[in-house]
Amino acid sequence: MLGLIGALNYSKLNQFDVVPGANCQKVNLQPWDAVSTVEVSPKYPNGIKRIAAATQEQFQAILDAIPEKSQIIGTLSVEQERAAKESLKANCLWYQEQLAKEQPVKEEIKKPFSSTPTKQ
C-alpha cells in the first residue's frame, strides 16, 4: 500500500497534493478526508467542503508524473498499512463506500417455523 513515508507518515496535519491529469484533482495524502465548514453556495450547498484522501491509483499517478515525490510517497510497512486502513475506515467517505460494496448482503434471519400451537 502506498502512502506518506518518513516523518510525514506520523504527522497529524493534512498534506495536500494535486493529481496530475485532465482534472488536476486536489487530494489529501493523509489517510483521512479533510473536511471543513464553508459558506453555503451553489458549489457547497450543504456548507461542507471535503477533500478526499488519495486512492492508491492517485498516489501512483502522482509518482508517475513527478518521480521526485518518491522521497515522501512510498510503500508502507505492515504496521503503517494497518493504521492507514483503520484511519481510512473511520475517516474517509470513499473507503467506507468501497467497504460497504464489498460486504456480502446479509440475509434476513428468520425464526424457524414452529408447528407447536401456542396457547391463547
PDB file of N, CA and C in Angstrom:
ATOM      1  N   MET A   1       0.849  -1.174   0.000  1.00  0.00           N
ATOM      2  CA  MET A   1       0.000   0.000   0.000  1.00  0.00           C
ATOM      3  C   MET A   1       0.895   1.237   0.000  1.00  0.00           C
ATOM      4  N   LEU A   2       0.540   2.188  -0.859  1.00  0.00           N
ATOM      5  CA  LEU A   2       1.301   3.434  -0.925  1.00  0.00           C
ATOM      6  C   LEU A   2       0.754   4.442   0.084  1.00  0.00           C
ATOM      7  N   GLY A   3       1.637   5.304   0.558  1.00  0.00           N
ATOM      8  CA  GLY A   3       1.252   6.360   1.487  1.00  0.00           C
ATOM      9  C   GLY A   3       2.434   7.263   1.755  1.00  0.00           C
ATOM     10  N   LEU A   4       2.221   8.199   2.662  1.00  0.00           N
ATOM     11  CA  LEU A   4       3.314   9.091   3.057  1.00  0.00           C
ATOM     12  C   LEU A   4       4.324   8.303   3.876  1.00  0.00           C
ATOM     13  N   ILE A   5       5.596   8.565   3.626  1.00  0.00           N
ATOM     14  CA  ILE A   5       6.645   7.852   4.359  1.00  0.00           C
ATOM     15  C   ILE A   5       7.470   8.851   5.170  1.00  0.00           C
ATOM     16  N   GLY A   6       8.306   8.321   6.030  1.00  0.00           N
ATOM     17  CA  GLY A   6       9.155   9.180   6.852  1.00  0.00           C
ATOM     18  C   GLY A   6       8.343   9.912   7.905  1.00  0.00           C
ATOM     19  N   ALA A   7       8.806  11.074   8.270  1.00  0.00           N
ATOM     20  CA  ALA A   7       8.161  11.864   9.322  1.00  0.00           C
ATOM     21  C   ALA A   7       6.737  12.254   8.944  1.00  0.00           C
ATOM     22  N   LEU A   8       6.453  12.429   7.658  1.00  0.00           N
ATOM     23  CA  LEU A   8       5.102  12.801   7.231  1.00  0.00           C
ATOM     24  C   LEU A   8       4.079  11.726   7.573  1.00  0.00           C
ATOM     25  N   ASN A   9       4.519  10.463   7.637  1.00  0.00           N
ATOM     26  CA  ASN A   9       3.608   9.383   7.967  1.00  0.00           C
ATOM     27  C   ASN A   9       3.044   9.545   9.374  1.00  0.00           C
ATOM     28  N   TYR A  10       3.781  10.178  10.250  1.00  0.00           N
ATOM     29  CA  TYR A  10       3.359  10.326  11.643  1.00  0.00           C
ATOM     30  C   TYR A  10       2.745  11.691  11.928  1.00  0.00           C
ATOM     31  N   SER A  11       2.666  12.538  10.922  1.00  0.00           N
ATOM     32  CA  SER A  11       2.104  13.874  11.096  1.00  0.00           C
ATOM     33  C   SER A  11       0.589  13.808  11.183  1.00  0.00           C
ATOM     34  N   LYS A  12       0.022  14.687  11.971  1.00  0.00           N
ATOM     35  CA  LYS A  12      -1.430  14.779  12.079  1.00  0.00           C
ATOM     36  C   LYS A  12      -1.976  15.922  11.229  1.00  0.00           C
ATOM     37  N   LEU A  13      -1.113  16.547  10.439  1.00  0.00           N
ATOM     38  CA  LEU A  13      -1.521  17.658   9.586  1.00  0.00           C
ATOM     39  C   LEU A  13      -1.892  17.149   8.200  1.00  0.00           C
ATOM     40  N   ASN A  14      -2.878  17.806   7.578  1.00  0.00           N
ATOM     41  CA  ASN A  14      -3.235  17.469   6.204  1.00  0.00           C
ATOM     42  C   ASN A  14      -2.047  17.738   5.294  1.00  0.00           C
ATOM     43  N   GLN A  15      -1.890  16.925   4.290  1.00  0.00           N
ATOM     44  CA  GLN A  15      -0.814  17.072   3.303  1.00  0.00           C
ATOM     45  C   GLN A  15      -1.467  16.985   1.937  1.00  0.00           C
ATOM     46  N   PHE A  16      -1.699  18.130   1.306  1.00  0.00           N
ATOM     47  CA  PHE A  16      -2.418  18.161   0.038  1.00  0.00           C
ATOM     48  C   PHE A  16      -1.475  18.089  -1.155  1.00  0.00           C
ATOM     49  N   ASP A  17      -1.978  17.500  -2.224  1.00  0.00           N
ATOM     50  CA  ASP A  17      -1.273  17.478  -3.497  1.00  0.00           C
ATOM     51  C   ASP A  17      -2.332  17.432  -4.597  1.00  0.00           C
ATOM     52  N   VAL A  18      -1.904  17.673  -5.810  1.00  0.00           N
ATOM     53  CA  VAL A  18      -2.813  17.658  -6.950  1.00  0.00           C
ATOM     54  C   VAL A  18      -2.459  16.453  -7.805  1.00  0.00           C
ATOM     55  N   VAL A  19      -3.485  15.668  -8.148  1.00  0.00           N
ATOM     56  CA  VAL A  19      -3.283  14.502  -9.005  1.00  0.00           C
ATOM     57  C   VAL A  19      -3.151  14.987 -10.440  1.00  0.00           C
ATOM     58  N   PRO A  20      -2.023  14.715 -11.093  1.00  0.00           N
ATOM     59  CA  PRO A  20      -1.845  15.152 -12.475  1.00  0.00           C
ATOM     60  C   PRO A  20      -2.879  14.503 -13.384  1.00  0.00           C
ATOM     61  N   GLY A  21      -3.262  15.217 -14.392  1.00  0.00           N
ATOM     62  CA  GLY A  21      -4.235  14.683 -15.341  1.00  0.00           C
ATOM     63  C   GLY A  21      -5.195  15.757 -15.785  1.00  0.00           C
ATOM     64  N   ALA A  22      -6.255  15.312 -16.409  1.00  0.00           N
ATOM     65  CA  ALA A  22      -7.212  16.239 -17.007  1.00  0.00           C
ATOM     66  C   ALA A  22      -7.884  17.145 -15.982  1.00  0.00           C
ATOM     67  N   ASN A  23      -8.254  16.581 -14.819  1.00  0.00           N
ATOM     68  CA  ASN A  23      -8.997  17.411 -13.866  1.00  0.00           C
ATOM     69  C   ASN A  23      -8.131  17.992 -12.747  1.00  0.00           C
ATOM     70  N   CYS A  24      -6.884  17.580 -12.640  1.00  0.00           N
ATOM     71  CA  CYS A  24      -5.966  18.089 -11.601  1.00  0.00           C
ATOM     72  C   CYS A  24      -6.655  18.152 -10.239  1.00  0.00           C
ATOM     73  N   GLN A  25      -7.180  17.024  -9.807  1.00  0.00           N
ATOM     74  CA  GLN A  25      -7.934  16.940  -8.559  1.00  0.00           C
ATOM     75  C   GLN A  25      -7.021  17.063  -7.338  1.00  0.00           C
ATOM     76  N   LYS A  26      -7.429  17.901  -6.384  1.00  0.00           N
ATOM     77  CA  LYS A  26      -6.700  18.065  -5.134  1.00  0.00           C
ATOM     78  C   LYS A  26      -7.108  16.939  -4.186  1.00  0.00           C
ATOM     79  N   VAL A  27      -6.113  16.281  -3.583  1.00  0.00           N
ATOM     80  CA  VAL A  27      -6.372  15.190  -2.645  1.00  0.00           C
ATOM     81  C   VAL A  27      -5.537  15.382  -1.387  1.00  0.00           C
ATOM     82  N   ASN A  28      -5.963  14.728  -0.330  1.00  0.00           N
ATOM     83  CA  ASN A  28      -5.214  14.717   0.916  1.00  0.00           C
ATOM     84  C   ASN A  28      -4.365  13.446   0.921  1.00  0.00           C
ATOM     85  N   LEU A  29      -3.073  13.585   1.082  1.00  0.00           N
ATOM     86  CA  LEU A  29      -2.186  12.420   1.093  1.00  0.00           C
ATOM     87  C   LEU A  29      -2.220  11.686   2.430  1.00  0.00           C
ATOM     88  N   GLN A  30      -2.832  12.280   3.420  1.00  0.00           N
ATOM     89  CA  GLN A  30      -3.029  11.604   4.701  1.00  0.00           C
ATOM     90  C   GLN A  30      -4.240  10.674   4.571  1.00  0.00           C
ATOM     91  N   PRO A  31      -4.330   9.625   5.397  1.00  0.00           N
ATOM     92  CA  PRO A  31      -5.427   8.659   5.244  1.00  0.00           C
ATOM     93  C   PRO A  31      -6.735   9.108   5.901  1.00  0.00           C
ATOM     94  N   TRP A  32      -7.184  10.287   5.549  1.00  0.00           N
ATOM     95  CA  TRP A  32      -8.486  10.778   6.009  1.00  0.00           C
ATOM     96  C   TRP A  32      -8.939  11.887   5.076  1.00  0.00           C
ATOM     97  N   ASP A  33     -10.250  12.101   5.051  1.00  0.00           N
ATOM     98  CA  ASP A  33     -10.796  13.214   4.281  1.00  0.00           C
ATOM     99  C   ASP A  33     -10.582  14.497   5.078  1.00  0.00           C
ATOM    100  N   ALA A  34     -10.207  15.558   4.398  1.00  0.00           N
ATOM    101  CA  ALA A  34     -10.107  16.875   5.035  1.00  0.00           C
ATOM    102  C   ALA A  34     -11.476  17.536   4.862  1.00  0.00           C
ATOM    103  N   VAL A  35     -12.145  17.776   5.963  1.00  0.00           N
ATOM    104  CA  VAL A  35     -13.499  18.314   5.926  1.00  0.00           C
ATOM    105  C   VAL A  35     -13.514  19.651   6.647  1.00  0.00           C
ATOM    106  N   SER A  36     -14.120  20.640   6.004  1.00  0.00           N
ATOM    107  CA  SER A  36     -14.232  21.951   6.646  1.00  0.00           C
ATOM    108  C   SER A  36     -15.598  22.546   6.349  1.00  0.00           C
ATOM    109  N   THR A  37     -16.037  23.405   7.243  1.00  0.00           N
ATOM    110  CA  THR A  37     -17.300  24.105   7.067  1.00  0.00           C
ATOM    111  C   THR A  37     -17.031  25.390   6.304  1.00  0.00           C
ATOM    112  N   VAL A  38     -17.817  25.611   5.264  1.00  0.00           N
ATOM    113  CA  VAL A  38     -17.682  26.807   4.433  1.00  0.00           C
ATOM    114  C   VAL A  38     -19.061  27.446   4.278  1.00  0.00           C
ATOM    115  N   GLU A  39     -19.059  28.639   3.721  1.00  0.00           N
ATOM    116  CA  GLU A  39     -20.321  29.317   3.476  1.00  0.00           C
ATOM    117  C   GLU A  39     -21.126  28.538   2.437  1.00  0.00           C
ATOM    118  N   VAL A  40     -22.417  28.400   2.683  1.00  0.00           N
ATOM    119  CA  VAL A  40     -23.296  27.709   1.746  1.00  0.00           C
ATOM    120  C   VAL A  40     -23.278  28.455   0.414  1.00  0.00           C
ATOM    121  N   SER A  41     -23.103  27.703  -0.668  1.00  0.00           N
ATOM    122  CA  SER A  41     -23.043  28.276  -2.005  1.00  0.00           C
ATOM    123  C   SER A  41     -23.504  27.212  -2.994  1.00  0.00           C
ATOM    124  N   PRO A  42     -23.658  27.571  -4.260  1.00  0.00           N
ATOM    125  CA  PRO A  42     -24.027  26.539  -5.240  1.00  0.00           C
ATOM    126  C   PRO A  42     -23.009  25.387  -5.293  1.00  0.00           C
ATOM    127  N   LYS A  43     -21.750  25.706  -5.097  1.00  0.00           N
ATOM    128  CA  LYS A  43     -20.718  24.668  -5.119  1.00  0.00           C
ATOM    129  C   LYS A  43     -20.764  23.799  -3.865  1.00  0.00           C
ATOM    130  N   TYR A  44     -21.119  24.400  -2.721  1.00  0.00           N
ATOM    131  CA  TYR A  44     -21.194  23.689  -1.444  1.00  0.00           C
ATOM    132  C   TYR A  44     -22.580  23.906  -0.830  1.00  0.00           C
ATOM    133  N   PRO A  45     -23.605  23.252  -1.382  1.00  0.00           N
ATOM    134  CA  PRO A  45     -24.973  23.502  -0.924  1.00  0.00           C
ATOM    135  C   PRO A  45     -25.219  23.120   0.540  1.00  0.00           C
ATOM    136  N   ASN A  46     -24.451  22.188   1.056  1.00  0.00           N
ATOM    137  CA  ASN A  46     -24.616  21.807   2.465  1.00  0.00           C
ATOM    138  C   ASN A  46     -23.608  22.509   3.374  1.00  0.00           C
ATOM    139  N   GLY A  47     -22.781  23.380   2.813  1.00  0.00           N
ATOM    140  CA  GLY A  47     -21.816  24.132   3.612  1.00  0.00           C
ATOM    141  C   GLY A  47     -20.620  23.314   4.066  1.00  0.00           C
ATOM    142  N   ILE A  48     -20.370  22.194   3.402  1.00  0.00           N
ATOM    143  CA  ILE A  48     -19.241  21.337   3.780  1.00  0.00           C
ATOM    144  C   ILE A  48     -18.328  21.143   2.571  1.00  0.00           C
ATOM    145  N   LYS A  49     -17.044  21.431   2.784  1.00  0.00           N
ATOM    146  CA  LYS A  49     -16.028  21.216   1.747  1.00  0.00           C
ATOM    147  C   LYS A  49     -15.236  19.979   2.145  1.00  0.00           C
ATOM    148  N   ARG A  50     -15.173  19.030   1.242  1.00  0.00           N
ATOM    149  CA  ARG A  50     -14.473  17.770   1.521  1.00  0.00           C
ATOM    150  C   ARG A  50     -13.391  17.555   0.481  1.00  0.00           C
ATOM    151  N   ILE A  51     -12.163  17.378   0.953  1.00  0.00           N
ATOM    152  CA  ILE A  51     -11.048  16.993   0.076  1.00  0.00           C
ATOM    153  C   ILE A  51     -10.730  15.554   0.455  1.00  0.00           C
ATOM    154  N   ALA A  52     -10.989  14.666  -0.466  1.00  0.00           N
ATOM    155  CA  ALA A  52     -10.880  13.235  -0.193  1.00  0.00           C
ATOM    156  C   ALA A  52      -9.439  12.788  -0.001  1.00  0.00           C
ATOM    157  N   ALA A  53      -9.289  11.713   0.757  1.00  0.00           N
ATOM    158  CA  ALA A  53      -7.987  11.057   0.889  1.00  0.00           C
ATOM    159  C   ALA A  53      -7.636  10.440  -0.463  1.00  0.00           C
ATOM    160  N   ALA A  54      -6.363  10.424  -0.779  1.00  0.00           N
ATOM    161  CA  ALA A  54      -5.911   9.880  -2.066  1.00  0.00           C
ATOM    162  C   ALA A  54      -6.121   8.373  -2.124  1.00  0.00           C
ATOM    163  N   THR A  55      -6.529   7.909  -3.306  1.00  0.00           N
ATOM    164  CA  THR A  55      -6.628   6.470  -3.550  1.00  0.00           C
ATOM    165  C   THR A  55      -5.245   5.954  -3.934  1.00  0.00           C
ATOM    166  N   GLN A  56      -5.096   4.644  -4.008  1.00  0.00           N
ATOM    167  CA  GLN A  56      -3.823   4.067  -4.425  1.00  0.00           C
ATOM    168  C   GLN A  56      -3.493   4.468  -5.863  1.00  0.00           C
ATOM    169  N   GLU A  57      -4.512   4.557  -6.704  1.00  0.00           N
ATOM    170  CA  GLU A  57      -4.304   4.967  -8.093  1.00  0.00           C
ATOM    171  C   GLU A  57      -3.820   6.419  -8.164  1.00  0.00           C
ATOM    172  N   GLN A  58      -4.348   7.267  -7.302  1.00  0.00           N
ATOM    173  CA  GLN A  58      -3.927   8.675  -7.284  1.00  0.00           C
ATOM    174  C   GLN A  58      -2.495   8.811  -6.775  1.00  0.00           C
ATOM    175  N   PHE A  59      -2.133   8.040  -5.740  1.00  0.00           N
ATOM    176  CA  PHE A  59      -0.740   8.043  -5.277  1.00  0.00           C
ATOM    177  C   PHE A  59       0.186   7.646  -6.430  1.00  0.00           C
ATOM    178  N   GLN A  60      -0.191   6.594  -7.154  1.00  0.00           N
ATOM    179  CA  GLN A  60       0.645   6.115  -8.248  1.00  0.00           C
ATOM    180  C   GLN A  60       0.724   7.142  -9.370  1.00  0.00           C
ATOM    181  N   ALA A  61      -0.374   7.825  -9.670  1.00  0.00           N
ATOM    182  CA  ALA A  61      -0.371   8.859 -10.724  1.00  0.00           C
ATOM    183  C   ALA A  61       0.565  10.000 -10.353  1.00  0.00           C
ATOM    184  N   ILE A  62       0.574  10.377  -9.082  1.00  0.00           N
ATOM    185  CA  ILE A  62       1.488  11.438  -8.625  1.00  0.00           C
ATOM    186  C   ILE A  62       2.933  10.987  -8.785  1.00  0.00           C
ATOM    187  N   LEU A  63       3.236   9.759  -8.375  1.00  0.00           N
ATOM    188  CA  LEU A  63       4.601   9.239  -8.504  1.00  0.00           C
ATOM    189  C   LEU A  63       5.025   9.126  -9.966  1.00  0.00           C
ATOM    190  N   ASP A  64       4.106   8.676 -10.830  1.00  0.00           N
ATOM    191  CA  ASP A  64       4.438   8.530 -12.247  1.00  0.00           C
ATOM    192  C   ASP A  64       4.748   9.886 -12.881  1.00  0.00           C
ATOM    193  N   ALA A  65       3.980  10.903 -12.499  1.00  0.00           N
ATOM    194  CA  ALA A  65       4.161  12.235 -13.095  1.00  0.00           C
ATOM    195  C   ALA A  65       5.345  12.990 -12.496  1.00  0.00           C
ATOM    196  N   ILE A  66       5.580  12.770 -11.208  1.00  0.00           N
ATOM    197  CA  ILE A  66       6.641  13.512 -10.507  1.00  0.00           C
ATOM    198  C   ILE A  66       7.482  12.516  -9.701  1.00  0.00           C
ATOM    199  N   PRO A  67       8.476  11.875 -10.328  1.00  0.00           N
ATOM    200  CA  PRO A  67       9.279  10.860  -9.640  1.00  0.00           C
ATOM    201  C   PRO A  67       9.940  11.360  -8.349  1.00  0.00           C
ATOM    202  N   GLU A  68      10.204  12.663  -8.255  1.00  0.00           N
ATOM    203  CA  GLU A  68      10.840  13.205  -7.048  1.00  0.00           C
ATOM    204  C   GLU A  68       9.953  13.028  -5.812  1.00  0.00           C
ATOM    205  N   LYS A  69       8.659  12.824  -6.018  1.00  0.00           N
ATOM    206  CA  LYS A  69       7.741  12.625  -4.893  1.00  0.00           C
ATOM    207  C   LYS A  69       8.007  11.310  -4.168  1.00  0.00           C
ATOM    208  N   SER A  70       8.866  10.456  -4.759  1.00  0.00           N
ATOM    209  CA  SER A  70       9.197   9.195  -4.103  1.00  0.00           C
ATOM    210  C   SER A  70       9.947   9.419  -2.786  1.00  0.00           C
ATOM    211  N   GLN A  71      10.389  10.652  -2.560  1.00  0.00           N
ATOM    212  CA  GLN A  71      11.027  10.981  -1.281  1.00  0.00           C
ATOM    213  C   GLN A  71      10.003  11.072  -0.152  1.00  0.00           C
ATOM    214  N   ILE A  72       8.725  11.305  -0.519  1.00  0.00           N
ATOM    215  CA  ILE A  72       7.692  11.416   0.514  1.00  0.00           C
ATOM    216  C   ILE A  72       6.568  10.391   0.349  1.00  0.00           C
ATOM    217  N   ILE A  73       6.488   9.744  -0.826  1.00  0.00           N
ATOM    218  CA  ILE A  73       5.459   8.733  -1.068  1.00  0.00           C
ATOM    219  C   ILE A  73       6.149   7.408  -1.341  1.00  0.00           C
ATOM    220  N   GLY A  74       5.735   6.373  -0.647  1.00  0.00           N
ATOM    221  CA  GLY A  74       6.342   5.064  -0.849  1.00  0.00           C
ATOM    222  C   GLY A  74       5.472   3.966  -0.263  1.00  0.00           C
ATOM    223  N   THR A  75       6.002   2.763  -0.253  1.00  0.00           N
ATOM    224  CA  THR A  75       5.291   1.613   0.279  1.00  0.00           C
ATOM    225  C   THR A  75       5.341   1.639   1.803  1.00  0.00           C
ATOM    226  N   LEU A  76       4.177   1.472   2.412  1.00  0.00           N
ATOM    227  CA  LEU A  76       4.080   1.490   3.870  1.00  0.00           C
ATOM    228  C   LEU A  76       4.456   0.134   4.453  1.00  0.00           C
ATOM    229  N   SER A  77       4.960   0.150   5.681  1.00  0.00           N
ATOM    230  CA  SER A  77       5.230  -1.107   6.381  1.00  0.00           C
ATOM    231  C   SER A  77       3.890  -1.750   6.745  1.00  0.00           C
ATOM    232  N   VAL A  78       3.918  -2.989   7.176  1.00  0.00           N
ATOM    233  CA  VAL A  78       2.693  -3.698   7.549  1.00  0.00           C
ATOM    234  C   VAL A  78       1.948  -2.939   8.645  1.00  0.00           C
ATOM    235  N   GLU A  79       2.681  -2.452   9.644  1.00  0.00           N
ATOM    236  CA  GLU A  79       2.054  -1.722  10.751  1.00  0.00           C
ATOM    237  C   GLU A  79       1.459  -0.400  10.274  1.00  0.00           C
ATOM    238  N   GLN A  80       2.192   0.309   9.415  1.00  0.00           N
ATOM    239  CA  GLN A  80       1.700   1.580   8.887  1.00  0.00           C
ATOM    240  C   GLN A  80       0.480   1.364   8.001  1.00  0.00           C
ATOM    241  N   GLU A  81       0.490   0.290   7.218  1.00  0.00           N
ATOM    242  CA  GLU A  81      -0.649  -0.020   6.356  1.00  0.00           C
ATOM    243  C   GLU A  81      -1.891  -0.318   7.199  1.00  0.00           C
ATOM    244  N   ARG A  82      -1.725  -1.085   8.264  1.00  0.00           N
ATOM    245  CA  ARG A  82      -2.845  -1.395   9.146  1.00  0.00           C
ATOM    246  C   ARG A  82      -3.423  -0.120   9.741  1.00  0.00           C
ATOM    247  N   ALA A  83      -2.556   0.769  10.216  1.00  0.00           N
ATOM    248  CA  ALA A  83      -3.003   2.035  10.797  1.00  0.00           C
ATOM    249  C   ALA A  83      -3.692   2.911   9.750  1.00  0.00           C
ATOM    250  N   ALA A  84      -3.146   2.945   8.534  1.00  0.00           N
ATOM    251  CA  ALA A  84      -3.740   3.752   7.465  1.00  0.00           C
ATOM    252  C   ALA A  84      -5.129   3.227   7.111  1.00  0.00           C
ATOM    253  N   LYS A  85      -5.284   1.905   7.028  1.00  0.00           N
ATOM    254  CA  LYS A  85      -6.586   1.331   6.705  1.00  0.00           C
ATOM    255  C   LYS A  85      -7.608   1.613   7.807  1.00  0.00           C
ATOM    256  N   GLU A  86      -7.185   1.565   9.057  1.00  0.00           N
ATOM    257  CA  GLU A  86      -8.091   1.887  10.166  1.00  0.00           C
ATOM    258  C   GLU A  86      -8.530   3.348  10.088  1.00  0.00           C
ATOM    259  N   SER A  87      -7.595   4.231   9.758  1.00  0.00           N
ATOM    260  CA  SER A  87      -7.926   5.644   9.629  1.00  0.00           C
ATOM    261  C   SER A  87      -8.868   5.875   8.447  1.00  0.00           C
ATOM    262  N   LEU A  88      -8.595   5.229   7.313  1.00  0.00           N
ATOM    263  CA  LEU A  88      -9.475   5.355   6.154  1.00  0.00           C
ATOM    264  C   LEU A  88     -10.879   4.829   6.483  1.00  0.00           C
ATOM    265  N   LYS A  89     -10.927   3.727   7.199  1.00  0.00           N
ATOM    266  CA  LYS A  89     -12.214   3.125   7.558  1.00  0.00           C
ATOM    267  C   LYS A  89     -13.049   4.076   8.416  1.00  0.00           C
ATOM    268  N   ALA A  90     -12.405   4.805   9.293  1.00  0.00           N
ATOM    269  CA  ALA A  90     -13.121   5.706  10.204  1.00  0.00           C
ATOM    270  C   ALA A  90     -13.342   7.102   9.638  1.00  0.00           C
ATOM    271  N   ASN A  91     -12.491   7.546   8.701  1.00  0.00           N
ATOM    272  CA  ASN A  91     -12.481   8.966   8.328  1.00  0.00           C
ATOM    273  C   ASN A  91     -12.526   9.271   6.841  1.00  0.00           C
ATOM    274  N   CYS A  92     -12.849   8.302   6.014  1.00  0.00           N
ATOM    275  CA  CYS A  92     -12.788   8.529   4.567  1.00  0.00           C
ATOM    276  C   CYS A  92     -14.052   8.001   3.903  1.00  0.00           C
ATOM    277  N   LEU A  93     -14.776   8.896   3.273  1.00  0.00           N
ATOM    278  CA  LEU A  93     -16.060   8.555   2.665  1.00  0.00           C
ATOM    279  C   LEU A  93     -15.919   7.527   1.549  1.00  0.00           C
ATOM    280  N   TRP A  94     -14.967   7.699   0.614  1.00  0.00           N
ATOM    281  CA  TRP A  94     -14.856   6.751  -0.493  1.00  0.00           C
ATOM    282  C   TRP A  94     -14.464   5.362  -0.008  1.00  0.00           C
ATOM    283  N   TYR A  95     -13.641   5.293   1.039  1.00  0.00           N
ATOM    284  CA  TYR A  95     -13.205   3.995   1.567  1.00  0.00           C
ATOM    285  C   TYR A  95     -14.384   3.283   2.241  1.00  0.00           C
ATOM    286  N   GLN A  96     -15.194   4.049   2.990  1.00  0.00           N
ATOM    287  CA  GLN A  96     -16.367   3.472   3.638  1.00  0.00           C
ATOM    288  C   GLN A  96     -17.349   2.941   2.598  1.00  0.00           C
ATOM    289  N   GLU A  97     -17.538   3.692   1.508  1.00  0.00           N
ATOM    290  CA  GLU A  97     -18.427   3.237   0.439  1.00  0.00           C
ATOM    291  C   GLU A  97     -17.882   1.975  -0.232  1.00  0.00           C
ATOM    292  N   GLN A  98     -16.567   1.913  -0.409  1.00  0.00           N
ATOM    293  CA  GLN A  98     -15.933   0.731  -1.010  1.00  0.00           C
ATOM    294  C   GLN A  98     -16.137  -0.479  -0.111  1.00  0.00           C
ATOM    295  N   LEU A  99     -15.937  -0.321   1.191  1.00  0.00           N
ATOM    296  CA  LEU A  99     -16.135  -1.427   2.125  1.00  0.00           C
ATOM    297  C   LEU A  99     -17.581  -1.899   2.124  1.00  0.00           C
ATOM    298  N   ALA A 100     -18.518  -0.962   2.052  1.00  0.00           N
ATOM    299  CA  ALA A 100     -19.936  -1.317   2.033  1.00  0.00           C
ATOM    300  C   ALA A 100     -20.275  -2.158   0.805  1.00  0.00           C
ATOM    301  N   LYS A 101     -19.674  -1.845  -0.337  1.00  0.00           N
ATOM    302  CA  LYS A 101     -19.912  -2.610  -1.560  1.00  0.00           C
ATOM    303  C   LYS A 101     -19.332  -4.015  -1.456  1.00  0.00           C
ATOM    304  N   GLU A 102     -18.226  -4.142  -0.726  1.00  0.00           N
ATOM    305  CA  GLU A 102     -17.553  -5.435  -0.611  1.00  0.00           C
ATOM    306  C   GLU A 102     -18.216  -6.351   0.403  1.00  0.00           C
ATOM    307  N   GLN A 103     -19.003  -5.794   1.316  1.00  0.00           N
ATOM    308  CA  GLN A 103     -19.661  -6.601   2.339  1.00  0.00           C
ATOM    309  C   GLN A 103     -20.740  -7.457   1.688  1.00  0.00           C
ATOM    310  N   PRO A 104     -20.768  -8.747   2.012  1.00  0.00           N
ATOM    311  CA  PRO A 104     -21.843  -9.572   1.461  1.00  0.00           C
ATOM    312  C   PRO A 104     -23.175  -9.132   2.070  1.00  0.00           C
ATOM    313  N   VAL A 105     -24.188  -9.201   1.260  1.00  0.00           N
ATOM    314  CA  VAL A 105     -25.515  -8.828   1.751  1.00  0.00           C
ATOM    315  C   VAL A 105     -25.960  -9.896   2.733  1.00  0.00           C
ATOM    316  N   LYS A 106     -26.254  -9.454   3.952  1.00  0.00           N
ATOM    317  CA  LYS A 106     -26.680 -10.404   4.977  1.00  0.00           C
ATOM    318  C   LYS A 106     -28.150 -10.724   4.764  1.00  0.00           C
ATOM    319  N   GLU A 107     -28.419 -12.014   4.695  1.00  0.00           N
ATOM    320  CA  GLU A 107     -29.806 -12.429   4.536  1.00  0.00           C
ATOM    321  C   GLU A 107     -30.522 -12.248   5.867  1.00  0.00           C
ATOM    322  N   GLU A 108     -31.785 -11.906   5.749  1.00  0.00           N
ATOM    323  CA  GLU A 108     -32.575 -11.703   6.951  1.00  0.00           C
ATOM    324  C   GLU A 108     -32.715 -13.050   7.653  1.00  0.00           C
ATOM    325  N   ILE A 109     -32.410 -13.052   8.916  1.00  0.00           N
ATOM    326  CA  ILE A 109     -32.509 -14.283   9.697  1.00  0.00           C
ATOM    327  C   ILE A 109     -33.965 -14.454  10.105  1.00  0.00           C
ATOM    328  N   LYS A 110     -34.513 -15.579   9.720  1.00  0.00           N
ATOM    329  CA  LYS A 110     -35.905 -15.861  10.040  1.00  0.00           C
ATOM    330  C   LYS A 110     -35.953 -16.917  11.129  1.00  0.00           C
ATOM    331  N   LYS A 111     -36.937 -16.739  12.019  1.00  0.00           N
ATOM    332  CA  LYS A 111     -37.128 -17.732  13.070  1.00  0.00           C
ATOM    333  C   LYS A 111     -37.695 -18.990  12.423  1.00  0.00           C
ATOM    334  N   PRO A 112     -37.233 -20.127  12.894  1.00  0.00           N
ATOM    335  CA  PRO A 112     -37.778 -21.360  12.318  1.00  0.00           C
ATOM    336  C   PRO A 112     -39.261 -21.470  12.649  1.00  0.00           C
ATOM    337  N   PHE A 113     -40.000 -22.015  11.711  1.00  0.00           N
ATOM    338  CA  PHE A 113     -41.430 -22.192  11.905  1.00  0.00           C
ATOM    339  C   PHE A 113     -41.646 -23.270  12.951  1.00  0.00           C
ATOM    340  N   SER A 114     -42.523 -22.987  13.877  1.00  0.00           N
ATOM    341  CA  SER A 114     -42.835 -23.964  14.916  1.00  0.00           C
ATOM    342  C   SER A 114     -44.221 -24.515  14.655  1.00  0.00           C
ATOM    343  N   SER A 115     -44.344 -25.826  14.659  1.00  0.00           N
ATOM    344  CA  SER A 115     -45.650 -26.439  14.438  1.00  0.00           C
ATOM    345  C   SER A 115     -46.398 -26.598  15.743  1.00  0.00           C
ATOM    346  N   THR A 116     -45.762 -26.255  16.839  1.00  0.00           N
ATOM    347  CA  THR A 116     -46.418 -26.373  18.139  1.00  0.00           C
ATOM    348  C   THR A 116     -47.392 -25.212  18.302  1.00  0.00           C
ATOM    349  N   PRO A 117     -48.663 -25.526  18.547  1.00  0.00           N
ATOM    350  CA  PRO A 117     -49.626 -24.441  18.715  1.00  0.00           C
ATOM    351  C   PRO A 117     -49.351 -23.638  19.994  1.00  0.00           C
ATOM    352  N   THR A 118     -49.651 -22.383  19.941  1.00  0.00           N
ATOM    353  CA  THR A 118     -49.458 -21.542  21.122  1.00  0.00           C
ATOM    354  C   THR A 118     -50.768 -21.415  21.861  1.00  0.00           C
ATOM    355  N   LYS A 119     -50.686 -21.293  23.156  1.00  0.00           N
ATOM    356  CA  LYS A 119     -51.889 -21.149  23.993  1.00  0.00           C
ATOM    357  C   LYS A 119     -52.368 -19.727  23.919  1.00  0.00           C
ATOM    358  N   GLN A 120     -53.671 -19.574  23.868  1.00  0.00           N
ATOM    359  CA  GLN A 120     -54.248 -18.233  23.835  1.00  0.00           C
ATOM    360  C   GLN A 120     -55.090 -17.981  25.036  1.00  0.00           C
TER     361      GLN A 120
END
